[in-house]
Amino acid sequence: MSTVATKPSIEQFIEQFLTAVDFQEAVEVSADTELLSLPEWDSLASLGVIVMFDTDYGKTISGEDIKKCVTLADLYKLLG
């Protein structure tokens, strides 16, 4: 019997995102925050998000998927 994870709330997703990206200085983010506006948004941060999707949600995404996202809400929509 397989288990399907329930989709987290956007608030839970943001908490996981902040942990995965591991910003050096605390940043305020919301669903409308543009990824490119984040001070440490780079390839390493993207990799952290890819790993988060895989380990926390069992979903495989690519760097190309992330490049298409403008805001955190766009990333959240990748959960399906």
C-alpha atoms as a PDB file:
ATOM      1  CA  MET A   1       0.000   0.000   0.000  1.00  0.00           C
ATOM      2  CA  SER A   2       1.517   3.304  -1.019  1.00  0.00           C
ATOM      3  CA  THR A   3       1.101   6.451   0.996  1.00  0.00           C
ATOM      4  CA  VAL A   4       0.472   9.783  -0.628  1.00  0.00           C
ATOM      5  CA  ALA A   5       1.665  12.842   1.232  1.00  0.00           C
ATOM      6  CA  THR A   6      -0.926  15.527   1.690  1.00  0.00           C
ATOM      7  CA  LYS A   7      -0.109  18.884   0.195  1.00  0.00           C
ATOM      8  CA  PRO A   8       1.212  21.268   2.837  1.00  0.00           C
ATOM      9  CA  SER A   9      -0.228  24.715   3.365  1.00  0.00           C
ATOM     10  CA  ILE A  10       1.627  27.567   1.682  1.00  0.00           C
ATOM     11  CA  GLU A  11       2.877  28.610   5.132  1.00  0.00           C
ATOM     12  CA  GLN A  12       4.313  25.129   5.778  1.00  0.00           C
ATOM     13  CA  PHE A  13       5.852  25.143   2.312  1.00  0.00           C
ATOM     14  CA  ILE A  14       7.516  28.512   2.976  1.00  0.00           C
ATOM     15  CA  GLU A  15       8.980  27.195   6.250  1.00  0.00           C
ATOM     16  CA  GLN A  16      10.443  24.211   4.387  1.00  0.00           C
ATOM     17  CA  PHE A  17      11.720  26.518   1.639  1.00  0.00           C
ATOM     18  CA  LEU A  18      13.545  28.717   4.155  1.00  0.00           C
ATOM     19  CA  THR A  19      15.127  25.648   5.746  1.00  0.00           C
ATOM     20  CA  ALA A  20      16.126  24.186   2.381  1.00  0.00           C
ATOM     21  CA  VAL A  21      17.700  27.393   1.093  1.00  0.00           C
ATOM     22  CA  ASP A  22      19.374  28.171   4.450  1.00  0.00           C
ATOM     23  CA  PHE A  23      19.755  31.936   4.062  1.00  0.00           C
ATOM     24  CA  GLN A  24      22.691  33.417   5.989  1.00  0.00           C
ATOM     25  CA  GLU A  25      20.527  36.302   7.189  1.00  0.00           C
ATOM     26  CA  ALA A  26      16.842  36.008   7.999  1.00  0.00           C
ATOM     27  CA  VAL A  27      14.572  37.111   5.165  1.00  0.00           C
ATOM     28  CA  GLU A  28      10.877  37.917   5.174  1.00  0.00           C
ATOM     29  CA  VAL A  29       9.073  36.011   2.467  1.00  0.00           C
ATOM     30  CA  SER A  30       5.492  35.446   1.413  1.00  0.00           C
ATOM     31  CA  ALA A  31       3.778  33.607  -1.412  1.00  0.00           C
ATOM     32  CA  ASP A  32       4.205  36.732  -3.572  1.00  0.00           C
ATOM     33  CA  THR A  33       7.952  37.080  -2.955  1.00  0.00           C
ATOM     34  CA  GLU A  34       9.883  37.044  -6.210  1.00  0.00           C
ATOM     35  CA  LEU A  35      12.665  34.483  -6.124  1.00  0.00           C
ATOM     36  CA  LEU A  36      15.132  36.766  -7.902  1.00  0.00           C
ATOM     37  CA  SER A  37      14.606  39.412  -5.207  1.00  0.00           C
ATOM     38  CA  LEU A  38      16.051  37.088  -2.549  1.00  0.00           C
ATOM     39  CA  PRO A  39      19.649  38.032  -1.678  1.00  0.00           C
ATOM     40  CA  GLU A  40      21.034  34.493  -1.845  1.00  0.00           C
ATOM     41  CA  TRP A  41      18.915  33.037  -4.642  1.00  0.00           C
ATOM     42  CA  ASP A  42      21.451  31.166  -6.750  1.00  0.00           C
ATOM     43  CA  SER A  43      22.166  27.720  -8.151  1.00  0.00           C
ATOM     44  CA  LEU A  44      22.928  26.315  -4.692  1.00  0.00           C
ATOM     45  CA  ALA A  45      19.595  27.613  -3.381  1.00  0.00           C
ATOM     46  CA  SER A  46      17.857  26.021  -6.390  1.00  0.00           C
ATOM     47  CA  LEU A  47      19.560  22.731  -5.649  1.00  0.00           C
ATOM     48  CA  GLY A  48      18.301  22.929  -2.058  1.00  0.00           C
ATOM     49  CA  VAL A  49      14.761  23.379  -3.369  1.00  0.00           C
ATOM     50  CA  ILE A  50      15.126  20.407  -5.741  1.00  0.00           C
ATOM     51  CA  VAL A  51      16.314  18.248  -2.821  1.00  0.00           C
ATOM     52  CA  MET A  52      13.459  19.539  -0.626  1.00  0.00           C
ATOM     53  CA  PHE A  53      10.863  18.556  -3.256  1.00  0.00           C
ATOM     54  CA  ASP A  54      12.415  15.086  -3.509  1.00  0.00           C
ATOM     55  CA  THR A  55      12.948  14.314   0.174  1.00  0.00           C
ATOM     56  CA  ASP A  56      10.013  16.148   1.773  1.00  0.00           C
ATOM     57  CA  TYR A  57       7.354  15.690  -0.897  1.00  0.00           C
ATOM     58  CA  GLY A  58       8.530  12.768  -3.036  1.00  0.00           C
ATOM     59  CA  LYS A  59       8.300  14.919  -6.164  1.00  0.00           C
ATOM     60  CA  THR A  60      11.014  15.284  -8.788  1.00  0.00           C
ATOM     61  CA  ILE A  61      11.547  18.734 -10.273  1.00  0.00           C
ATOM     62  CA  SER A  62      14.348  20.124 -12.408  1.00  0.00           C
ATOM     63  CA  GLY A  63      16.296  23.333 -12.627  1.00  0.00           C
ATOM     64  CA  GLU A  64      14.219  24.130 -15.712  1.00  0.00           C
ATOM     65  CA  ASP A  65      11.039  23.838 -13.618  1.00  0.00           C
ATOM     66  CA  ILE A  66      12.484  26.293 -11.114  1.00  0.00           C
ATOM     67  CA  LYS A  67      13.579  28.736 -13.836  1.00  0.00           C
ATOM     68  CA  LYS A  68       9.943  29.015 -14.930  1.00  0.00           C
ATOM     69  CA  CYS A  69       8.905  30.109 -11.426  1.00  0.00           C
ATOM     70  CA  VAL A  70       8.815  33.805 -10.587  1.00  0.00           C
ATOM     71  CA  THR A  71       7.384  33.716  -7.050  1.00  0.00           C
ATOM     72  CA  LEU A  72       7.246  31.311  -4.127  1.00  0.00           C
ATOM     73  CA  ALA A  73       3.611  30.668  -5.033  1.00  0.00           C
ATOM     74  CA  ASP A  74       4.806  29.434  -8.451  1.00  0.00           C
ATOM     75  CA  LEU A  75       7.142  26.987  -6.728  1.00  0.00           C
ATOM     76  CA  TYR A  76       4.302  25.852  -4.465  1.00  0.00           C
ATOM     77  CA  LYS A  77       2.147  25.123  -7.531  1.00  0.00           C
ATOM     78  CA  LEU A  78       4.774  22.587  -8.664  1.00  0.00           C
ATOM     79  CA  LEU A  79       3.556  20.336  -5.841  1.00  0.00           C
ATOM     80  CA  GLY A  80       0.423  19.773  -7.925  1.00  0.00           C
END
